[in-house]
């Protein structure tokens, strides 16, 4: 049973708390499996078959295949675990963050060098 969450309505933000950790447990454990080279190769050779070895929801599996990091976060993914996916794809954290904000990597880098995004978006 979840407690009252005063942070639940922060626009554009999903706070990774105990409830999110429970929802995303298998998604995050899949991500951690990518720390091993053999698992990365198995995942890259047949993503769906590899994902089907994990008791994740179909929505979580579809988000992984689509590389929809915002959906993965909403479905319990923790960005530090999800980093294993974009690293497997040869992508940087900056690339993934830019993708999640709807910006190009260059636009994202420029925004961050200029102090980041204002709290109101």
PDB file of N, CA and C in Angstrom:
ATOM      1  N   UNK A   1       0.847  -1.183   0.000  1.00  0.00           N
ATOM      2  CA  UNK A   1       0.000   0.000   0.000  1.00  0.00           C
ATOM      3  C   UNK A   1       0.886   1.238   0.000  1.00  0.00           C
ATOM      4  N   UNK A   2       0.638   2.148  -0.929  1.00  0.00           N
ATOM      5  CA  UNK A   2       1.485   3.332  -1.006  1.00  0.00           C
ATOM      6  C   UNK A   2       0.995   4.434  -0.076  1.00  0.00           C
ATOM      7  N   UNK A   3       1.937   5.189   0.354  1.00  0.00           N
ATOM      8  CA  UNK A   3       1.656   6.334   1.207  1.00  0.00           C
ATOM      9  C   UNK A   3       1.284   7.529   0.349  1.00  0.00           C
ATOM     10  N   UNK A   4       0.780   8.566   0.986  1.00  0.00           N
ATOM     11  CA  UNK A   4       0.524   9.806   0.260  1.00  0.00           C
ATOM     12  C   UNK A   4       1.852  10.309  -0.293  1.00  0.00           C
ATOM     13  N   UNK A   5       1.837  10.722  -1.548  1.00  0.00           N
ATOM     14  CA  UNK A   5       3.062  11.155  -2.210  1.00  0.00           C
ATOM     15  C   UNK A   5       2.933  12.614  -2.619  1.00  0.00           C
ATOM     16  N   UNK A   6       3.484  13.516  -1.844  1.00  0.00           N
ATOM     17  CA  UNK A   6       3.377  14.929  -2.192  1.00  0.00           C
ATOM     18  C   UNK A   6       4.099  15.277  -3.487  1.00  0.00           C
ATOM     19  N   UNK A   7       4.952  14.392  -3.968  1.00  0.00           N
ATOM     20  CA  UNK A   7       5.731  14.617  -5.187  1.00  0.00           C
ATOM     21  C   UNK A   7       5.086  14.012  -6.423  1.00  0.00           C
ATOM     22  N   UNK A   8       3.895  13.441  -6.305  1.00  0.00           N
ATOM     23  CA  UNK A   8       3.309  12.705  -7.428  1.00  0.00           C
ATOM     24  C   UNK A   8       2.883  13.581  -8.599  1.00  0.00           C
ATOM     25  N   UNK A   9       2.720  14.860  -8.387  1.00  0.00           N
ATOM     26  CA  UNK A   9       2.241  15.738  -9.458  1.00  0.00           C
ATOM     27  C   UNK A   9       3.288  16.718  -9.964  1.00  0.00           C
ATOM     28  N   UNK A  10       4.558  16.364  -9.901  1.00  0.00           N
ATOM     29  CA  UNK A  10       5.609  17.224 -10.452  1.00  0.00           C
ATOM     30  C   UNK A  10       5.550  17.071 -11.967  1.00  0.00           C
ATOM     31  N   UNK A  11       5.234  18.132 -12.693  1.00  0.00           N
ATOM     32  CA  UNK A  11       5.081  18.012 -14.156  1.00  0.00           C
ATOM     33  C   UNK A  11       6.322  17.424 -14.824  1.00  0.00           C
ATOM     34  N   UNK A  12       6.092  16.425 -15.670  1.00  0.00           N
ATOM     35  CA  UNK A  12       7.172  15.837 -16.444  1.00  0.00           C
ATOM     36  C   UNK A  12       8.140  14.982 -15.646  1.00  0.00           C
ATOM     37  N   UNK A  13       7.767  14.607 -14.426  1.00  0.00           N
ATOM     38  CA  UNK A  13       8.694  13.885 -13.562  1.00  0.00           C
ATOM     39  C   UNK A  13       8.056  12.626 -13.001  1.00  0.00           C
ATOM     40  N   UNK A  14       8.772  11.531 -13.081  1.00  0.00           N
ATOM     41  CA  UNK A  14       8.388  10.297 -12.408  1.00  0.00           C
ATOM     42  C   UNK A  14       9.438  10.055 -11.342  1.00  0.00           C
ATOM     43  N   UNK A  15       9.041  10.066 -10.103  1.00  0.00           N
ATOM     44  CA  UNK A  15       9.971   9.831  -9.007  1.00  0.00           C
ATOM     45  C   UNK A  15      10.106   8.327  -8.816  1.00  0.00           C
ATOM     46  N   UNK A  16      11.340   7.851  -8.814  1.00  0.00           N
ATOM     47  CA  UNK A  16      11.598   6.427  -8.618  1.00  0.00           C
ATOM     48  C   UNK A  16      11.558   6.151  -7.123  1.00  0.00           C
ATOM     49  N   UNK A  17      10.438   5.609  -6.684  1.00  0.00           N
ATOM     50  CA  UNK A  17      10.245   5.300  -5.271  1.00  0.00           C
ATOM     51  C   UNK A  17      10.018   3.792  -5.117  1.00  0.00           C
ATOM     52  N   UNK A  18       9.622   3.363  -3.928  1.00  0.00           N
ATOM     53  CA  UNK A  18       9.433   1.933  -3.675  1.00  0.00           C
ATOM     54  C   UNK A  18       8.366   1.330  -4.588  1.00  0.00           C
ATOM     55  N   UNK A  19       7.296   2.070  -4.852  1.00  0.00           N
ATOM     56  CA  UNK A  19       6.245   1.552  -5.735  1.00  0.00           C
ATOM     57  C   UNK A  19       6.779   1.363  -7.150  1.00  0.00           C
ATOM     58  N   UNK A  20       7.513   2.346  -7.653  1.00  0.00           N
ATOM     59  CA  UNK A  20       8.100   2.237  -8.989  1.00  0.00           C
ATOM     60  C   UNK A  20       9.107   1.087  -9.037  1.00  0.00           C
ATOM     61  N   UNK A  21       9.869   0.917  -7.970  1.00  0.00           N
ATOM     62  CA  UNK A  21      10.852  -0.166  -7.927  1.00  0.00           C
ATOM     63  C   UNK A  21      10.160  -1.526  -8.029  1.00  0.00           C
ATOM     64  N   UNK A  22       9.015  -1.669  -7.367  1.00  0.00           N
ATOM     65  CA  UNK A  22       8.271  -2.938  -7.450  1.00  0.00           C
ATOM     66  C   UNK A  22       7.739  -3.160  -8.854  1.00  0.00           C
ATOM     67  N   UNK A  23       7.181  -2.124  -9.456  1.00  0.00           N
ATOM     68  CA  UNK A  23       6.616  -2.237 -10.803  1.00  0.00           C
ATOM     69  C   UNK A  23       7.707  -2.598 -11.811  1.00  0.00           C
ATOM     70  N   UNK A  24       8.867  -1.991 -11.665  1.00  0.00           N
ATOM     71  CA  UNK A  24       9.936  -2.151 -12.649  1.00  0.00           C
ATOM     72  C   UNK A  24      10.997  -3.174 -12.308  1.00  0.00           C
ATOM     73  N   UNK A  25      10.772  -3.963 -11.269  1.00  0.00           N
ATOM     74  CA  UNK A  25      11.819  -4.887 -10.820  1.00  0.00           C
ATOM     75  C   UNK A  25      12.388  -5.735 -11.956  1.00  0.00           C
ATOM     76  N   UNK A  26      11.543  -6.424 -12.700  1.00  0.00           N
ATOM     77  CA  UNK A  26      12.041  -7.320 -13.750  1.00  0.00           C
ATOM     78  C   UNK A  26      12.640  -6.544 -14.922  1.00  0.00           C
ATOM     79  N   UNK A  27      12.085  -5.392 -15.238  1.00  0.00           N
ATOM     80  CA  UNK A  27      12.665  -4.522 -16.271  1.00  0.00           C
ATOM     81  C   UNK A  27      14.081  -4.127 -15.866  1.00  0.00           C
ATOM     82  N   UNK A  28      14.240  -3.711 -14.625  1.00  0.00           N
ATOM     83  CA  UNK A  28      15.554  -3.277 -14.162  1.00  0.00           C
ATOM     84  C   UNK A  28      16.545  -4.434 -14.054  1.00  0.00           C
ATOM     85  N   UNK A  29      16.056  -5.620 -13.678  1.00  0.00           N
ATOM     86  CA  UNK A  29      16.949  -6.789 -13.616  1.00  0.00           C
ATOM     87  C   UNK A  29      17.372  -7.216 -15.023  1.00  0.00           C
ATOM     88  N   UNK A  30      16.453  -7.108 -15.999  1.00  0.00           N
ATOM     89  CA  UNK A  30      16.839  -7.349 -17.398  1.00  0.00           C
ATOM     90  C   UNK A  30      17.981  -6.401 -17.769  1.00  0.00           C
ATOM     91  N   UNK A  31      17.807  -5.122 -17.437  1.00  0.00           N
ATOM     92  CA  UNK A  31      18.849  -4.137 -17.770  1.00  0.00           C
ATOM     93  C   UNK A  31      20.187  -4.527 -17.145  1.00  0.00           C
ATOM     94  N   UNK A  32      20.158  -4.946 -15.898  1.00  0.00           N
ATOM     95  CA  UNK A  32      21.401  -5.328 -15.221  1.00  0.00           C
ATOM     96  C   UNK A  32      22.044  -6.547 -15.876  1.00  0.00           C
ATOM     97  N   UNK A  33      21.232  -7.399 -16.489  1.00  0.00           N
ATOM     98  CA  UNK A  33      21.804  -8.569 -17.162  1.00  0.00           C
ATOM     99  C   UNK A  33      22.710  -8.151 -18.310  1.00  0.00           C
ATOM    100  N   UNK A  34      22.491  -6.949 -18.830  1.00  0.00           N
ATOM    101  CA  UNK A  34      23.278  -6.460 -19.966  1.00  0.00           C
ATOM    102  C   UNK A  34      24.699  -6.059 -19.566  1.00  0.00           C
ATOM    103  N   UNK A  35      25.017  -6.187 -18.299  1.00  0.00           N
ATOM    104  CA  UNK A  35      26.387  -5.921 -17.868  1.00  0.00           C
ATOM    105  C   UNK A  35      27.333  -7.016 -18.357  1.00  0.00           C
ATOM    106  N   UNK A  36      26.793  -8.190 -18.698  1.00  0.00           N
ATOM    107  CA  UNK A  36      27.612  -9.298 -19.181  1.00  0.00           C
ATOM    108  C   UNK A  36      27.613  -9.303 -20.708  1.00  0.00           C
ATOM    109  N   UNK A  37      28.794  -9.398 -21.258  1.00  0.00           N
ATOM    110  CA  UNK A  37      28.975  -9.372 -22.702  1.00  0.00           C
ATOM    111  C   UNK A  37      28.128 -10.424 -23.419  1.00  0.00           C
ATOM    112  N   UNK A  38      28.104 -11.625 -22.893  1.00  0.00           N
ATOM    113  CA  UNK A  38      27.339 -12.699 -23.537  1.00  0.00           C
ATOM    114  C   UNK A  38      25.847 -12.350 -23.586  1.00  0.00           C
ATOM    115  N   UNK A  39      25.343 -11.732 -22.542  1.00  0.00           N
ATOM    116  CA  UNK A  39      23.928 -11.342 -22.528  1.00  0.00           C
ATOM    117  C   UNK A  39      23.652 -10.211 -23.509  1.00  0.00           C
ATOM    118  N   UNK A  40      24.589  -9.281 -23.621  1.00  0.00           N
ATOM    119  CA  UNK A  40      24.412  -8.195 -24.604  1.00  0.00           C
ATOM    120  C   UNK A  40      24.335  -8.778 -26.009  1.00  0.00           C
ATOM    121  N   UNK A  41      25.198  -9.724 -26.295  1.00  0.00           N
ATOM    122  CA  UNK A  41      25.189 -10.339 -27.628  1.00  0.00           C
ATOM    123  C   UNK A  41      23.894 -11.099 -27.877  1.00  0.00           C
ATOM    124  N   UNK A  42      23.415 -11.832 -26.884  1.00  0.00           N
ATOM    125  CA  UNK A  42      22.144 -12.555 -27.029  1.00  0.00           C
ATOM    126  C   UNK A  42      20.997 -11.577 -27.247  1.00  0.00           C
ATOM    127  N   UNK A  43      20.992 -10.483 -26.507  1.00  0.00           N
ATOM    128  CA  UNK A  43      19.946  -9.471 -26.650  1.00  0.00           C
ATOM    129  C   UNK A  43      19.988  -8.842 -28.040  1.00  0.00           C
ATOM    130  N   UNK A  44      21.179  -8.482 -28.488  1.00  0.00           N
ATOM    131  CA  UNK A  44      21.307  -7.842 -29.807  1.00  0.00           C
ATOM    132  C   UNK A  44      20.943  -8.783 -30.941  1.00  0.00           C
ATOM    133  N   UNK A  45      21.172 -10.071 -30.771  1.00  0.00           N
ATOM    134  CA  UNK A  45      20.878 -11.001 -31.861  1.00  0.00           C
ATOM    135  C   UNK A  45      19.388 -11.301 -31.995  1.00  0.00           C
ATOM    136  N   UNK A  46      18.636 -11.269 -30.901  1.00  0.00           N
ATOM    137  CA  UNK A  46      17.189 -11.505 -30.959  1.00  0.00           C
ATOM    138  C   UNK A  46      16.552 -10.872 -29.726  1.00  0.00           C
ATOM    139  N   UNK A  47      16.243  -9.586 -29.851  1.00  0.00           N
ATOM    140  CA  UNK A  47      15.752  -8.828 -28.706  1.00  0.00           C
ATOM    141  C   UNK A  47      14.496  -9.439 -28.097  1.00  0.00           C
ATOM    142  N   UNK A  48      13.544  -9.779 -28.941  1.00  0.00           N
ATOM    143  CA  UNK A  48      12.278 -10.297 -28.411  1.00  0.00           C
ATOM    144  C   UNK A  48      12.488 -11.617 -27.667  1.00  0.00           C
ATOM    145  N   UNK A  49      13.273 -12.516 -28.230  1.00  0.00           N
ATOM    146  CA  UNK A  49      13.522 -13.797 -27.561  1.00  0.00           C
ATOM    147  C   UNK A  49      14.203 -13.576 -26.216  1.00  0.00           C
ATOM    148  N   UNK A  50      15.144 -12.648 -26.165  1.00  0.00           N
ATOM    149  CA  UNK A  50      15.832 -12.382 -24.901  1.00  0.00           C
ATOM    150  C   UNK A  50      14.865 -11.778 -23.889  1.00  0.00           C
ATOM    151  N   UNK A  51      14.055 -10.828 -24.329  1.00  0.00           N
ATOM    152  CA  UNK A  51      13.087 -10.191 -23.427  1.00  0.00           C
ATOM    153  C   UNK A  51      12.061 -11.192 -22.915  1.00  0.00           C
ATOM    154  N   UNK A  52      11.701 -12.146 -23.738  1.00  0.00           N
ATOM    155  CA  UNK A  52      10.700 -13.136 -23.334  1.00  0.00           C
ATOM    156  C   UNK A  52      11.184 -14.045 -22.212  1.00  0.00           C
ATOM    157  N   UNK A  53      12.465 -14.007 -21.909  1.00  0.00           N
ATOM    158  CA  UNK A  53      12.999 -14.772 -20.783  1.00  0.00           C
ATOM    159  C   UNK A  53      12.724 -14.085 -19.443  1.00  0.00           C
ATOM    160  N   UNK A  54      12.243 -12.841 -19.522  1.00  0.00           N
ATOM    161  CA  UNK A  54      12.006 -12.044 -18.315  1.00  0.00           C
ATOM    162  C   UNK A  54      10.500 -11.868 -18.100  1.00  0.00           C
ATOM    163  N   UNK A  55      10.028 -11.982 -16.861  1.00  0.00           N
ATOM    164  CA  UNK A  55       8.591 -11.823 -16.588  1.00  0.00           C
ATOM    165  C   UNK A  55       8.166 -10.348 -16.550  1.00  0.00           C
ATOM    166  N   UNK A  56       8.450  -9.647 -17.631  1.00  0.00           N
ATOM    167  CA  UNK A  56       8.068  -8.243 -17.759  1.00  0.00           C
ATOM    168  C   UNK A  56       6.706  -8.166 -18.440  1.00  0.00           C
ATOM    169  N   UNK A  57       6.036  -7.038 -18.276  1.00  0.00           N
ATOM    170  CA  UNK A  57       4.767  -6.845 -18.977  1.00  0.00           C
ATOM    171  C   UNK A  57       5.038  -6.645 -20.466  1.00  0.00           C
ATOM    172  N   UNK A  58       4.024  -6.904 -21.265  1.00  0.00           N
ATOM    173  CA  UNK A  58       4.155  -6.663 -22.711  1.00  0.00           C
ATOM    174  C   UNK A  58       4.457  -5.191 -22.970  1.00  0.00           C
ATOM    175  N   UNK A  59       3.865  -4.320 -22.172  1.00  0.00           N
ATOM    176  CA  UNK A  59       4.106  -2.882 -22.323  1.00  0.00           C
ATOM    177  C   UNK A  59       5.578  -2.555 -22.060  1.00  0.00           C
ATOM    178  N   UNK A  60       6.166  -3.168 -21.056  1.00  0.00           N
ATOM    179  CA  UNK A  60       7.586  -2.951 -20.777  1.00  0.00           C
ATOM    180  C   UNK A  60       8.459  -3.470 -21.918  1.00  0.00           C
ATOM    181  N   UNK A  61       8.140  -4.667 -22.408  1.00  0.00           N
ATOM    182  CA  UNK A  61       8.919  -5.234 -23.513  1.00  0.00           C
ATOM    183  C   UNK A  61       8.819  -4.369 -24.764  1.00  0.00           C
ATOM    184  N   UNK A  62       7.611  -3.884 -25.066  1.00  0.00           N
ATOM    185  CA  UNK A  62       7.430  -3.018 -26.242  1.00  0.00           C
ATOM    186  C   UNK A  62       8.214  -1.723 -26.085  1.00  0.00           C
ATOM    187  N   UNK A  63       8.246  -1.172 -24.878  1.00  0.00           N
ATOM    188  CA  UNK A  63       8.999   0.066 -24.634  1.00  0.00           C
ATOM    189  C   UNK A  63      10.493  -0.167 -24.846  1.00  0.00           C
ATOM    190  N   UNK A  64      10.995  -1.312 -24.412  1.00  0.00           N
ATOM    191  CA  UNK A  64      12.415  -1.631 -24.620  1.00  0.00           C
ATOM    192  C   UNK A  64      12.707  -1.730 -26.108  1.00  0.00           C
ATOM    193  N   UNK A  65      11.901  -2.491 -26.829  1.00  0.00           N
ATOM    194  CA  UNK A  65      12.134  -2.667 -28.265  1.00  0.00           C
ATOM    195  C   UNK A  65      12.079  -1.333 -28.998  1.00  0.00           C
ATOM    196  N   UNK A  66      11.149  -0.451 -28.594  1.00  0.00           N
ATOM    197  CA  UNK A  66      11.009   0.869 -29.227  1.00  0.00           C
ATOM    198  C   UNK A  66      12.053   1.867 -28.718  1.00  0.00           C
ATOM    199  N   UNK A  67      12.792   1.477 -27.681  1.00  0.00           N
ATOM    200  CA  UNK A  67      13.750   2.368 -27.017  1.00  0.00           C
ATOM    201  C   UNK A  67      13.043   3.653 -26.563  1.00  0.00           C
ATOM    202  N   UNK A  68      11.848   3.458 -26.011  1.00  0.00           N
ATOM    203  CA  UNK A  68      11.049   4.558 -25.472  1.00  0.00           C
ATOM    204  C   UNK A  68      11.384   4.683 -23.984  1.00  0.00           C
ATOM    205  N   UNK A  69      12.443   5.448 -23.698  1.00  0.00           N
ATOM    206  CA  UNK A  69      12.937   5.556 -22.332  1.00  0.00           C
ATOM    207  C   UNK A  69      11.936   6.232 -21.406  1.00  0.00           C
ATOM    208  N   UNK A  70      11.169   7.184 -21.910  1.00  0.00           N
ATOM    209  CA  UNK A  70      10.146   7.813 -21.075  1.00  0.00           C
ATOM    210  C   UNK A  70       9.097   6.788 -20.657  1.00  0.00           C
ATOM    211  N   UNK A  71       8.689   5.932 -21.584  1.00  0.00           N
ATOM    212  CA  UNK A  71       7.717   4.878 -21.245  1.00  0.00           C
ATOM    213  C   UNK A  71       8.340   3.902 -20.248  1.00  0.00           C
ATOM    214  N   UNK A  72       9.606   3.552 -20.450  1.00  0.00           N
ATOM    215  CA  UNK A  72      10.256   2.622 -19.521  1.00  0.00           C
ATOM    216  C   UNK A  72      10.301   3.202 -18.114  1.00  0.00           C
ATOM    217  N   UNK A  73      10.567   4.493 -18.002  1.00  0.00           N
ATOM    218  CA  UNK A  73      10.583   5.136 -16.685  1.00  0.00           C
ATOM    219  C   UNK A  73       9.182   5.100 -16.069  1.00  0.00           C
ATOM    220  N   UNK A  74       8.166   5.410 -16.871  1.00  0.00           N
ATOM    221  CA  UNK A  74       6.789   5.365 -16.367  1.00  0.00           C
ATOM    222  C   UNK A  74       6.403   3.952 -15.928  1.00  0.00           C
ATOM    223  N   UNK A  75       7.038   2.950 -16.528  1.00  0.00           N
ATOM    224  CA  UNK A  75       6.736   1.547 -16.224  1.00  0.00           C
ATOM    225  C   UNK A  75       7.690   0.957 -15.184  1.00  0.00           C
ATOM    226  N   UNK A  76       8.346   1.816 -14.435  1.00  0.00           N
ATOM    227  CA  UNK A  76       9.174   1.371 -13.319  1.00  0.00           C
ATOM    228  C   UNK A  76      10.661   1.305 -13.576  1.00  0.00           C
ATOM    229  N   UNK A  77      11.093   1.711 -14.754  1.00  0.00           N
ATOM    230  CA  UNK A  77      12.523   1.699 -15.047  1.00  0.00           C
ATOM    231  C   UNK A  77      13.259   2.807 -14.315  1.00  0.00           C
ATOM    232  N   UNK A  78      14.446   2.498 -13.871  1.00  0.00           N
ATOM    233  CA  UNK A  78      15.317   3.484 -13.242  1.00  0.00           C
ATOM    234  C   UNK A  78      16.370   3.869 -14.271  1.00  0.00           C
ATOM    235  N   UNK A  79      16.592   5.149 -14.447  1.00  0.00           N
ATOM    236  CA  UNK A  79      17.471   5.629 -15.511  1.00  0.00           C
ATOM    237  C   UNK A  79      18.870   5.017 -15.417  1.00  0.00           C
ATOM    238  N   UNK A  80      19.344   4.737 -14.214  1.00  0.00           N
ATOM    239  CA  UNK A  80      20.685   4.172 -14.081  1.00  0.00           C
ATOM    240  C   UNK A  80      20.730   2.711 -14.520  1.00  0.00           C
ATOM    241  N   UNK A  81      19.615   2.012 -14.412  1.00  0.00           N
ATOM    242  CA  UNK A  81      19.522   0.663 -14.954  1.00  0.00           C
ATOM    243  C   UNK A  81      19.317   0.736 -16.464  1.00  0.00           C
ATOM    244  N   UNK A  82      18.442   1.646 -16.908  1.00  0.00           N
ATOM    245  CA  UNK A  82      18.162   1.794 -18.339  1.00  0.00           C
ATOM    246  C   UNK A  82      19.407   2.178 -19.125  1.00  0.00           C
ATOM    247  N   UNK A  83      20.367   2.779 -18.446  1.00  0.00           N
ATOM    248  CA  UNK A  83      21.627   3.151 -19.109  1.00  0.00           C
ATOM    249  C   UNK A  83      22.311   1.933 -19.734  1.00  0.00           C
ATOM    250  N   UNK A  84      22.061   0.756 -19.184  1.00  0.00           N
ATOM    251  CA  UNK A  84      22.662  -0.456 -19.739  1.00  0.00           C
ATOM    252  C   UNK A  84      22.128  -0.731 -21.146  1.00  0.00           C
ATOM    253  N   UNK A  85      20.879  -0.322 -21.407  1.00  0.00           N
ATOM    254  CA  UNK A  85      20.310  -0.520 -22.743  1.00  0.00           C
ATOM    255  C   UNK A  85      20.979   0.415 -23.734  1.00  0.00           C
ATOM    256  N   UNK A  86      21.029   1.714 -23.415  1.00  0.00           N
ATOM    257  CA  UNK A  86      21.625   2.604 -24.419  1.00  0.00           C
ATOM    258  C   UNK A  86      23.118   2.402 -24.538  1.00  0.00           C
ATOM    259  N   UNK A  87      23.774   1.937 -23.504  1.00  0.00           N
ATOM    260  CA  UNK A  87      25.194   1.595 -23.635  1.00  0.00           C
ATOM    261  C   UNK A  87      25.360   0.382 -24.555  1.00  0.00           C
ATOM    262  N   UNK A  88      24.447  -0.588 -24.442  1.00  0.00           N
ATOM    263  CA  UNK A  88      24.473  -1.754 -25.332  1.00  0.00           C
ATOM    264  C   UNK A  88      24.310  -1.315 -26.780  1.00  0.00           C
ATOM    265  N   UNK A  89      23.518  -0.272 -27.000  1.00  0.00           N
ATOM    266  CA  UNK A  89      23.307   0.270 -28.340  1.00  0.00           C
ATOM    267  C   UNK A  89      24.436   1.188 -28.791  1.00  0.00           C
ATOM    268  N   UNK A  90      25.434   1.400 -27.923  1.00  0.00           N
ATOM    269  CA  UNK A  90      26.544   2.273 -28.266  1.00  0.00           C
ATOM    270  C   UNK A  90      26.194   3.752 -28.171  1.00  0.00           C
ATOM    271  N   UNK A  91      25.187   4.077 -27.369  1.00  0.00           N
ATOM    272  CA  UNK A  91      24.727   5.461 -27.228  1.00  0.00           C
ATOM    273  C   UNK A  91      25.156   6.014 -25.874  1.00  0.00           C
ATOM    274  N   UNK A  92      25.284   7.322 -25.806  1.00  0.00           N
ATOM    275  CA  UNK A  92      25.698   7.980 -24.572  1.00  0.00           C
ATOM    276  C   UNK A  92      24.497   8.364 -23.714  1.00  0.00           C
ATOM    277  N   UNK A  93      24.784   8.687 -22.480  1.00  0.00           N
ATOM    278  CA  UNK A  93      23.756   9.193 -21.571  1.00  0.00           C
ATOM    279  C   UNK A  93      23.171  10.487 -22.134  1.00  0.00           C
ATOM    280  N   UNK A  94      24.031  11.325 -22.684  1.00  0.00           N
ATOM    281  CA  UNK A  94      23.575  12.582 -23.276  1.00  0.00           C
ATOM    282  C   UNK A  94      22.615  12.321 -24.437  1.00  0.00           C
ATOM    283  N   UNK A  95      22.913  11.333 -25.252  1.00  0.00           N
ATOM    284  CA  UNK A  95      22.030  10.968 -26.364  1.00  0.00           C
ATOM    285  C   UNK A  95      20.655  10.585 -25.832  1.00  0.00           C
ATOM    286  N   UNK A  96      20.627   9.698 -24.824  1.00  0.00           N
ATOM    287  CA  UNK A  96      19.347   9.233 -24.271  1.00  0.00           C
ATOM    288  C   UNK A  96      18.577  10.373 -23.621  1.00  0.00           C
ATOM    289  N   UNK A  97      19.266  11.235 -22.883  1.00  0.00           N
ATOM    290  CA  UNK A  97      18.592  12.365 -22.239  1.00  0.00           C
ATOM    291  C   UNK A  97      17.999  13.304 -23.282  1.00  0.00           C
ATOM    292  N   UNK A  98      18.722  13.542 -24.349  1.00  0.00           N
ATOM    293  CA  UNK A  98      18.211  14.395 -25.430  1.00  0.00           C
ATOM    294  C   UNK A  98      16.968  13.764 -26.053  1.00  0.00           C
ATOM    295  N   UNK A  99      17.031  12.477 -26.312  1.00  0.00           N
ATOM    296  CA  UNK A  99      15.892  11.753 -26.877  1.00  0.00           C
ATOM    297  C   UNK A  99      14.671  11.877 -25.967  1.00  0.00           C
ATOM    298  N   UNK A 100      14.882  11.771 -24.677  1.00  0.00           N
ATOM    299  CA  UNK A 100      13.788  11.829 -23.708  1.00  0.00           C
ATOM    300  C   UNK A 100      13.167  13.218 -23.614  1.00  0.00           C
ATOM    301  N   UNK A 101      13.920  14.240 -23.962  1.00  0.00           N
ATOM    302  CA  UNK A 101      13.396  15.608 -23.907  1.00  0.00           C
ATOM    303  C   UNK A 101      12.861  16.081 -25.250  1.00  0.00           C
ATOM    304  N   UNK A 102      13.024  15.250 -26.294  1.00  0.00           N
ATOM    305  CA  UNK A 102      12.553  15.636 -27.619  1.00  0.00           C
ATOM    306  C   UNK A 102      13.482  16.611 -28.328  1.00  0.00           C
ATOM    307  N   UNK A 103      14.727  16.658 -27.894  1.00  0.00           N
ATOM    308  CA  UNK A 103      15.718  17.554 -28.495  1.00  0.00           C
ATOM    309  C   UNK A 103      16.764  16.740 -29.236  1.00  0.00           C
ATOM    310  N   UNK A 104      17.500  17.432 -30.089  1.00  0.00           N
ATOM    311  CA  UNK A 104      18.674  16.784 -30.672  1.00  0.00           C
ATOM    312  C   UNK A 104      19.748  16.753 -29.587  1.00  0.00           C
ATOM    313  N   UNK A 105      20.747  15.928 -29.791  1.00  0.00           N
ATOM    314  CA  UNK A 105      21.821  15.853 -28.806  1.00  0.00           C
ATOM    315  C   UNK A 105      22.541  17.199 -28.701  1.00  0.00           C
ATOM    316  N   UNK A 106      22.689  17.869 -29.830  1.00  0.00           N
ATOM    317  CA  UNK A 106      23.340  19.189 -29.820  1.00  0.00           C
ATOM    318  C   UNK A 106      22.505  20.210 -29.046  1.00  0.00           C
ATOM    319  N   UNK A 107      21.195  20.231 -29.275  1.00  0.00           N
ATOM    320  CA  UNK A 107      20.320  21.153 -28.550  1.00  0.00           C
ATOM    321  C   UNK A 107      20.354  20.878 -27.047  1.00  0.00           C
ATOM    322  N   UNK A 108      20.324  19.609 -26.696  1.00  0.00           N
ATOM    323  CA  UNK A 108      20.346  19.233 -25.290  1.00  0.00           C
ATOM    324  C   UNK A 108      21.650  19.692 -24.631  1.00  0.00           C
ATOM    325  N   UNK A 109      22.762  19.435 -25.286  1.00  0.00           N
ATOM    326  CA  UNK A 109      24.062  19.839 -24.734  1.00  0.00           C
ATOM    327  C   UNK A 109      24.117  21.349 -24.545  1.00  0.00           C
ATOM    328  N   UNK A 110      23.627  22.088 -25.520  1.00  0.00           N
ATOM    329  CA  UNK A 110      23.625  23.549 -25.426  1.00  0.00           C
ATOM    330  C   UNK A 110      22.756  24.010 -24.256  1.00  0.00           C
ATOM    331  N   UNK A 111      21.577  23.401 -24.104  1.00  0.00           N
ATOM    332  CA  UNK A 111      20.696  23.768 -23.001  1.00  0.00           C
ATOM    333  C   UNK A 111      21.389  23.523 -21.663  1.00  0.00           C
ATOM    334  N   UNK A 112      22.029  22.379 -21.526  1.00  0.00           N
ATOM    335  CA  UNK A 112      22.684  22.055 -20.265  1.00  0.00           C
ATOM    336  C   UNK A 112      23.871  22.974 -19.988  1.00  0.00           C
ATOM    337  N   UNK A 113      24.598  23.353 -21.028  1.00  0.00           N
ATOM    338  CA  UNK A 113      25.719  24.277 -20.843  1.00  0.00           C
ATOM    339  C   UNK A 113      25.242  25.677 -20.458  1.00  0.00           C
ATOM    340  N   UNK A 114      23.991  25.978 -20.799  1.00  0.00           N
ATOM    341  CA  UNK A 114      23.419  27.289 -20.473  1.00  0.00           C
ATOM    342  C   UNK A 114      22.585  27.251 -19.195  1.00  0.00           C
ATOM    343  N   UNK A 115      22.836  26.287 -18.340  1.00  0.00           N
ATOM    344  CA  UNK A 115      22.158  26.259 -17.044  1.00  0.00           C
ATOM    345  C   UNK A 115      20.983  25.316 -16.937  1.00  0.00           C
ATOM    346  N   UNK A 116      20.681  24.564 -17.988  1.00  0.00           N
ATOM    347  CA  UNK A 116      19.596  23.601 -17.921  1.00  0.00           C
ATOM    348  C   UNK A 116      18.248  24.208 -18.226  1.00  0.00           C
ATOM    349  N   UNK A 117      17.228  23.397 -18.056  1.00  0.00           N
ATOM    350  CA  UNK A 117      15.865  23.818 -18.358  1.00  0.00           C
ATOM    351  C   UNK A 117      15.257  24.479 -17.137  1.00  0.00           C
ATOM    352  N   UNK A 118      14.439  25.498 -17.377  1.00  0.00           N
ATOM    353  CA  UNK A 118      13.741  26.165 -16.291  1.00  0.00           C
ATOM    354  C   UNK A 118      12.716  25.204 -15.684  1.00  0.00           C
ATOM    355  N   UNK A 119      12.418  25.312 -14.408  1.00  0.00           N
ATOM    356  CA  UNK A 119      11.462  24.402 -13.757  1.00  0.00           C
ATOM    357  C   UNK A 119      10.093  24.363 -14.444  1.00  0.00           C
ATOM    358  N   UNK A 120       9.693  25.437 -15.089  1.00  0.00           N
ATOM    359  CA  UNK A 120       8.378  25.456 -15.741  1.00  0.00           C
ATOM    360  C   UNK A 120       8.446  24.913 -17.175  1.00  0.00           C
ATOM    361  N   UNK A 121       9.582  24.347 -17.548  1.00  0.00           N
ATOM    362  CA  UNK A 121       9.708  23.709 -18.854  1.00  0.00           C
ATOM    363  C   UNK A 121      10.438  24.553 -19.829  1.00  0.00           C
TER     364      UNK A 121
END
